[in-house]
Amino acid sequence: QQVPALGGRVYQAFLAPANTPRPYATVKLMDGGASLRISFAGEHLIEVRLYETMSGSFLTLDTLAKNVIEVLHGKTVMDLETGEEYDLYWVPGMNDFVEEDRQLIGRLIRFRAAALFERG
């Protein structure tokens, strides 16, 4: 909602409808591992993928990436399914990709969030 160009089109990874207007974003939380015998501090990685039509421009993705980083870096966000809160920090560097089968170009942005794993 804070990145107007996305128009609220943010989905869980792999769940964006095929006819979703472009540009749009997907988000994936990469859970860290935990031991059943010990507890430790670690981090989760959050992957944000931005998508644009192949006839679009990587310049559009440049602007979107900048806006997403400004909105999320150093901010606290809440997982609406679990109620867990995370402080996000941008992991410098981004990756561009092409999905020829869906005629999309994209940009991958990673954030990290501190996590504490405790025995269950």
N, C-alpha and C. Protein backbone atom coordinates (compact mmCIF):
# COMPACT_ATOMS: atom_id res chain seq x y z
N GLN A 1 0.82 -1.20 0.00
CA GLN A 1 0.00 0.00 0.00
C GLN A 1 0.86 1.25 0.00
N GLN A 2 2.08 1.14 0.52
CA GLN A 2 2.94 2.31 0.60
C GLN A 2 3.77 2.49 -0.66
N VAL A 3 3.63 1.59 -1.64
CA VAL A 3 4.29 1.74 -2.94
C VAL A 3 3.16 1.85 -3.97
N PRO A 4 2.72 3.09 -4.27
CA PRO A 4 1.55 3.29 -5.12
C PRO A 4 1.62 2.59 -6.47
N ALA A 5 2.80 2.49 -7.07
CA ALA A 5 2.92 1.87 -8.39
C ALA A 5 2.49 0.40 -8.37
N LEU A 6 2.55 -0.24 -7.21
CA LEU A 6 2.11 -1.64 -7.12
C LEU A 6 0.59 -1.75 -6.97
N GLY A 7 -0.06 -0.67 -6.62
CA GLY A 7 -1.52 -0.67 -6.52
C GLY A 7 -2.09 -1.75 -5.62
N GLY A 8 -1.34 -2.11 -4.57
CA GLY A 8 -1.81 -3.14 -3.65
C GLY A 8 -1.64 -4.56 -4.18
N ARG A 9 -0.98 -4.71 -5.35
CA ARG A 9 -0.80 -6.03 -5.95
C ARG A 9 0.45 -6.70 -5.37
N VAL A 10 0.30 -7.22 -4.17
CA VAL A 10 1.38 -7.93 -3.47
C VAL A 10 0.80 -9.27 -3.02
N TYR A 11 1.47 -10.35 -3.41
CA TYR A 11 0.95 -11.70 -3.18
C TYR A 11 1.99 -12.57 -2.49
N GLN A 12 1.53 -13.66 -1.89
CA GLN A 12 2.46 -14.67 -1.42
C GLN A 12 3.13 -15.28 -2.65
N ALA A 13 4.35 -15.75 -2.46
CA ALA A 13 5.09 -16.34 -3.58
C ALA A 13 4.26 -17.43 -4.26
N PHE A 14 4.28 -17.42 -5.58
CA PHE A 14 3.61 -18.42 -6.42
C PHE A 14 2.09 -18.33 -6.43
N LEU A 15 1.49 -17.33 -5.77
CA LEU A 15 0.03 -17.26 -5.69
C LEU A 15 -0.58 -16.10 -6.48
N ALA A 16 0.22 -15.36 -7.23
CA ALA A 16 -0.33 -14.27 -8.03
C ALA A 16 -1.10 -14.87 -9.21
N PRO A 17 -2.34 -14.42 -9.43
CA PRO A 17 -3.10 -14.93 -10.58
C PRO A 17 -2.37 -14.60 -11.89
N ALA A 18 -2.54 -15.45 -12.89
CA ALA A 18 -1.85 -15.27 -14.17
C ALA A 18 -2.21 -13.95 -14.84
N ASN A 19 -3.42 -13.46 -14.61
CA ASN A 19 -3.86 -12.22 -15.26
C ASN A 19 -3.64 -10.98 -14.39
N THR A 20 -2.79 -11.07 -13.38
CA THR A 20 -2.52 -9.93 -12.51
C THR A 20 -1.91 -8.79 -13.31
N PRO A 21 -2.47 -7.59 -13.21
CA PRO A 21 -1.86 -6.44 -13.89
C PRO A 21 -0.43 -6.22 -13.40
N ARG A 22 0.41 -5.77 -14.30
CA ARG A 22 1.80 -5.50 -13.96
C ARG A 22 1.98 -4.01 -13.73
N PRO A 23 2.92 -3.61 -12.93
CA PRO A 23 3.81 -4.42 -12.11
C PRO A 23 3.10 -4.95 -10.87
N TYR A 24 3.71 -6.02 -10.30
CA TYR A 24 3.23 -6.57 -9.04
C TYR A 24 4.40 -7.17 -8.29
N ALA A 25 4.16 -7.57 -7.04
CA ALA A 25 5.23 -8.13 -6.21
C ALA A 25 4.75 -9.41 -5.54
N THR A 26 5.71 -10.28 -5.23
CA THR A 26 5.43 -11.45 -4.40
C THR A 26 6.40 -11.44 -3.22
N VAL A 27 5.98 -12.04 -2.12
CA VAL A 27 6.79 -12.07 -0.90
C VAL A 27 6.88 -13.51 -0.41
N LYS A 28 8.08 -13.89 0.01
CA LYS A 28 8.31 -15.24 0.52
C LYS A 28 9.19 -15.16 1.76
N LEU A 29 8.73 -15.75 2.85
CA LEU A 29 9.51 -15.82 4.09
C LEU A 29 10.26 -17.14 4.09
N MET A 30 11.59 -17.05 4.15
CA MET A 30 12.44 -18.23 4.18
C MET A 30 12.73 -18.53 5.64
N ASP A 31 12.06 -19.52 6.21
CA ASP A 31 12.26 -19.85 7.62
C ASP A 31 13.67 -20.34 7.88
N GLY A 32 14.21 -19.94 9.02
CA GLY A 32 15.50 -20.47 9.46
C GLY A 32 15.28 -21.81 10.13
N GLY A 33 16.33 -22.57 10.26
CA GLY A 33 16.22 -23.88 10.89
C GLY A 33 16.37 -23.78 12.39
N ALA A 34 15.93 -24.79 13.08
CA ALA A 34 16.06 -24.81 14.54
C ALA A 34 16.34 -26.23 15.01
N SER A 35 17.09 -26.35 16.07
CA SER A 35 17.40 -27.64 16.66
C SER A 35 16.39 -27.92 17.77
N LEU A 36 16.05 -29.17 17.95
CA LEU A 36 15.14 -29.54 19.04
C LEU A 36 15.87 -29.58 20.37
N ARG A 37 17.21 -29.60 20.35
CA ARG A 37 17.99 -29.72 21.58
C ARG A 37 18.58 -28.41 22.06
N ILE A 38 18.77 -27.46 21.18
CA ILE A 38 19.39 -26.20 21.59
C ILE A 38 18.56 -25.04 21.08
N SER A 39 18.80 -23.88 21.64
CA SER A 39 18.17 -22.68 21.11
C SER A 39 19.28 -21.74 20.65
N PHE A 40 18.96 -20.89 19.69
CA PHE A 40 19.98 -19.98 19.17
C PHE A 40 19.31 -18.81 18.47
N ALA A 41 20.10 -17.79 18.25
CA ALA A 41 19.63 -16.64 17.50
C ALA A 41 20.05 -16.81 16.05
N GLY A 42 19.25 -16.34 15.16
CA GLY A 42 19.55 -16.45 13.74
C GLY A 42 18.78 -15.40 12.98
N GLU A 43 18.46 -15.71 11.75
CA GLU A 43 17.70 -14.75 10.96
C GLU A 43 16.84 -15.48 9.94
N HIS A 44 15.78 -14.80 9.56
CA HIS A 44 14.93 -15.24 8.45
C HIS A 44 15.31 -14.38 7.26
N LEU A 45 15.22 -14.93 6.08
CA LEU A 45 15.33 -14.14 4.86
C LEU A 45 13.94 -13.94 4.30
N ILE A 46 13.67 -12.74 3.85
CA ILE A 46 12.41 -12.42 3.20
C ILE A 46 12.76 -12.03 1.78
N GLU A 47 12.17 -12.73 0.82
CA GLU A 47 12.42 -12.44 -0.58
C GLU A 47 11.24 -11.69 -1.15
N VAL A 48 11.52 -10.55 -1.76
CA VAL A 48 10.51 -9.77 -2.46
C VAL A 48 10.89 -9.80 -3.94
N ARG A 49 9.97 -10.30 -4.76
CA ARG A 49 10.20 -10.33 -6.20
C ARG A 49 9.25 -9.33 -6.85
N LEU A 50 9.82 -8.46 -7.67
CA LEU A 50 9.05 -7.48 -8.42
C LEU A 50 8.94 -7.96 -9.86
N TYR A 51 7.76 -7.86 -10.44
CA TYR A 51 7.53 -8.34 -11.80
C TYR A 51 7.00 -7.22 -12.68
N GLU A 52 7.44 -7.23 -13.94
CA GLU A 52 6.98 -6.28 -14.95
C GLU A 52 6.90 -7.05 -16.27
N THR A 53 6.09 -6.55 -17.21
CA THR A 53 6.00 -7.22 -18.51
C THR A 53 7.33 -7.15 -19.22
N MET A 54 7.58 -8.12 -20.10
CA MET A 54 8.83 -8.14 -20.84
C MET A 54 8.95 -6.93 -21.75
N SER A 55 7.81 -6.37 -22.16
CA SER A 55 7.84 -5.16 -22.98
C SER A 55 8.05 -3.92 -22.12
N GLY A 56 8.05 -4.11 -20.81
CA GLY A 56 8.30 -3.01 -19.88
C GLY A 56 9.78 -2.69 -19.81
N SER A 57 10.19 -2.12 -18.70
CA SER A 57 11.57 -1.65 -18.59
C SER A 57 12.15 -2.00 -17.23
N PHE A 58 13.44 -2.32 -17.25
CA PHE A 58 14.13 -2.51 -15.97
C PHE A 58 14.20 -1.18 -15.21
N LEU A 59 14.02 -0.05 -15.91
CA LEU A 59 13.99 1.24 -15.21
C LEU A 59 12.78 1.31 -14.28
N THR A 60 11.66 0.73 -14.70
CA THR A 60 10.49 0.64 -13.82
C THR A 60 10.83 -0.16 -12.58
N LEU A 61 11.54 -1.28 -12.78
CA LEU A 61 11.94 -2.11 -11.64
C LEU A 61 12.93 -1.38 -10.74
N ASP A 62 13.81 -0.55 -11.33
CA ASP A 62 14.74 0.25 -10.52
C ASP A 62 13.97 1.13 -9.55
N THR A 63 12.97 1.83 -10.07
CA THR A 63 12.17 2.74 -9.24
C THR A 63 11.38 1.97 -8.19
N LEU A 64 10.76 0.86 -8.59
CA LEU A 64 10.00 0.05 -7.64
C LEU A 64 10.90 -0.49 -6.54
N ALA A 65 12.08 -0.99 -6.92
CA ALA A 65 13.01 -1.55 -5.93
C ALA A 65 13.41 -0.48 -4.93
N LYS A 66 13.73 0.70 -5.42
CA LYS A 66 14.11 1.81 -4.53
C LYS A 66 12.97 2.12 -3.56
N ASN A 67 11.74 2.17 -4.07
CA ASN A 67 10.58 2.47 -3.22
C ASN A 67 10.33 1.38 -2.18
N VAL A 68 10.44 0.11 -2.59
CA VAL A 68 10.23 -1.00 -1.66
C VAL A 68 11.28 -0.98 -0.55
N ILE A 69 12.53 -0.74 -0.92
CA ILE A 69 13.60 -0.68 0.08
C ILE A 69 13.35 0.46 1.06
N GLU A 70 12.95 1.63 0.55
CA GLU A 70 12.67 2.77 1.43
C GLU A 70 11.52 2.45 2.40
N VAL A 71 10.53 1.71 1.94
CA VAL A 71 9.36 1.40 2.77
C VAL A 71 9.68 0.34 3.82
N LEU A 72 10.51 -0.66 3.48
CA LEU A 72 10.71 -1.80 4.37
C LEU A 72 11.99 -1.77 5.21
N HIS A 73 13.06 -1.16 4.71
CA HIS A 73 14.34 -1.20 5.42
C HIS A 73 14.24 -0.50 6.78
N GLY A 74 14.60 -1.23 7.83
CA GLY A 74 14.58 -0.66 9.18
C GLY A 74 13.20 -0.56 9.80
N LYS A 75 12.22 -1.20 9.17
CA LYS A 75 10.84 -1.11 9.67
C LYS A 75 10.41 -2.43 10.32
N THR A 76 9.41 -2.33 11.19
CA THR A 76 8.81 -3.50 11.81
C THR A 76 7.56 -3.86 11.02
N VAL A 77 7.46 -5.14 10.63
CA VAL A 77 6.29 -5.61 9.91
C VAL A 77 5.71 -6.80 10.66
N MET A 78 4.42 -7.07 10.41
CA MET A 78 3.76 -8.18 11.10
C MET A 78 3.27 -9.20 10.07
N ASP A 79 3.51 -10.46 10.35
CA ASP A 79 2.97 -11.56 9.56
C ASP A 79 1.50 -11.68 9.94
N LEU A 80 0.60 -11.42 8.99
CA LEU A 80 -0.83 -11.40 9.30
C LEU A 80 -1.37 -12.78 9.66
N GLU A 81 -0.69 -13.84 9.25
CA GLU A 81 -1.16 -15.19 9.57
C GLU A 81 -0.77 -15.61 10.98
N THR A 82 0.43 -15.22 11.42
CA THR A 82 0.92 -15.69 12.73
C THR A 82 0.92 -14.61 13.81
N GLY A 83 0.85 -13.34 13.40
CA GLY A 83 0.95 -12.24 14.36
C GLY A 83 2.37 -11.92 14.77
N GLU A 84 3.34 -12.69 14.26
CA GLU A 84 4.76 -12.44 14.57
C GLU A 84 5.19 -11.12 13.95
N GLU A 85 6.02 -10.38 14.69
CA GLU A 85 6.57 -9.12 14.18
C GLU A 85 8.05 -9.30 13.88
N TYR A 86 8.50 -8.64 12.81
CA TYR A 86 9.88 -8.73 12.36
C TYR A 86 10.42 -7.34 12.05
N ASP A 87 11.66 -7.08 12.45
CA ASP A 87 12.36 -5.87 12.05
C ASP A 87 13.16 -6.22 10.80
N LEU A 88 12.85 -5.56 9.69
CA LEU A 88 13.47 -5.89 8.41
C LEU A 88 14.65 -4.99 8.09
N TYR A 89 15.66 -5.60 7.49
CA TYR A 89 16.84 -4.87 7.03
C TYR A 89 17.21 -5.38 5.65
N TRP A 90 17.40 -4.45 4.71
CA TRP A 90 17.74 -4.80 3.34
C TRP A 90 19.10 -5.46 3.29
N VAL A 91 19.19 -6.54 2.53
CA VAL A 91 20.47 -7.21 2.26
C VAL A 91 20.97 -6.60 0.95
N PRO A 92 22.03 -5.77 0.99
CA PRO A 92 22.48 -5.08 -0.23
C PRO A 92 22.74 -6.05 -1.39
N GLY A 93 22.35 -5.60 -2.54
CA GLY A 93 22.47 -6.38 -3.76
C GLY A 93 21.09 -6.84 -4.21
N MET A 94 20.92 -6.94 -5.52
CA MET A 94 19.65 -7.39 -6.09
C MET A 94 19.97 -8.26 -7.30
N ASN A 95 19.03 -9.08 -7.69
CA ASN A 95 19.20 -9.95 -8.85
C ASN A 95 18.07 -9.71 -9.83
N ASP A 96 18.42 -9.55 -11.11
CA ASP A 96 17.42 -9.46 -12.16
C ASP A 96 17.21 -10.84 -12.75
N PHE A 97 16.00 -11.08 -13.25
CA PHE A 97 15.71 -12.37 -13.87
C PHE A 97 14.65 -12.18 -14.96
N VAL A 98 14.57 -13.16 -15.83
CA VAL A 98 13.59 -13.17 -16.92
C VAL A 98 12.82 -14.48 -16.83
N GLU A 99 11.50 -14.38 -16.92
CA GLU A 99 10.65 -15.57 -16.97
C GLU A 99 10.00 -15.59 -18.35
N GLU A 100 10.71 -16.19 -19.29
CA GLU A 100 10.27 -16.16 -20.69
C GLU A 100 8.91 -16.82 -20.89
N ASP A 101 8.63 -17.89 -20.16
CA ASP A 101 7.35 -18.59 -20.33
C ASP A 101 6.16 -17.71 -19.96
N ARG A 102 6.36 -16.78 -19.04
CA ARG A 102 5.28 -15.87 -18.63
C ARG A 102 5.48 -14.46 -19.18
N GLN A 103 6.53 -14.28 -19.98
CA GLN A 103 6.83 -12.99 -20.60
C GLN A 103 6.98 -11.89 -19.56
N LEU A 104 7.78 -12.19 -18.52
CA LEU A 104 8.00 -11.24 -17.43
C LEU A 104 9.50 -11.01 -17.20
N ILE A 105 9.81 -9.80 -16.78
CA ILE A 105 11.13 -9.50 -16.23
C ILE A 105 10.93 -9.25 -14.74
N GLY A 106 11.98 -9.45 -13.97
CA GLY A 106 11.81 -9.28 -12.54
C GLY A 106 13.08 -8.88 -11.83
N ARG A 107 12.89 -8.50 -10.59
CA ARG A 107 14.00 -8.13 -9.71
C ARG A 107 13.76 -8.76 -8.35
N LEU A 108 14.79 -9.42 -7.82
CA LEU A 108 14.73 -10.05 -6.50
C LEU A 108 15.44 -9.15 -5.50
N ILE A 109 14.73 -8.82 -4.42
CA ILE A 109 15.28 -8.02 -3.32
C ILE A 109 15.18 -8.88 -2.07
N ARG A 110 16.23 -8.90 -1.28
CA ARG A 110 16.21 -9.69 -0.05
C ARG A 110 16.30 -8.78 1.17
N PHE A 111 15.56 -9.18 2.19
CA PHE A 111 15.63 -8.53 3.49
C PHE A 111 15.92 -9.61 4.52
N ARG A 112 16.49 -9.21 5.65
CA ARG A 112 16.70 -10.17 6.73
C ARG A 112 15.97 -9.66 7.96
N ALA A 113 15.59 -10.62 8.79
CA ALA A 113 14.90 -10.30 10.04
C ALA A 113 15.49 -11.18 11.13
N ALA A 114 15.86 -10.58 12.24
CA ALA A 114 16.42 -11.35 13.35
C ALA A 114 15.38 -12.33 13.87
N ALA A 115 15.85 -13.49 14.32
CA ALA A 115 14.94 -14.51 14.84
C ALA A 115 15.59 -15.21 16.01
N LEU A 116 14.78 -15.60 16.97
CA LEU A 116 15.25 -16.37 18.11
C LEU A 116 14.54 -17.72 18.07
N PHE A 117 15.33 -18.77 17.97
CA PHE A 117 14.79 -20.13 17.93
C PHE A 117 14.94 -20.73 19.32
N GLU A 118 13.83 -21.18 19.89
CA GLU A 118 13.86 -21.75 21.23
C GLU A 118 13.34 -23.18 21.19
N ARG A 119 13.73 -23.94 22.18
CA ARG A 119 13.22 -25.31 22.26
C ARG A 119 11.72 -25.31 22.45
N GLY A 120 11.05 -26.26 21.81
CA GLY A 120 9.59 -26.32 21.84
C GLY A 120 9.03 -26.99 23.01
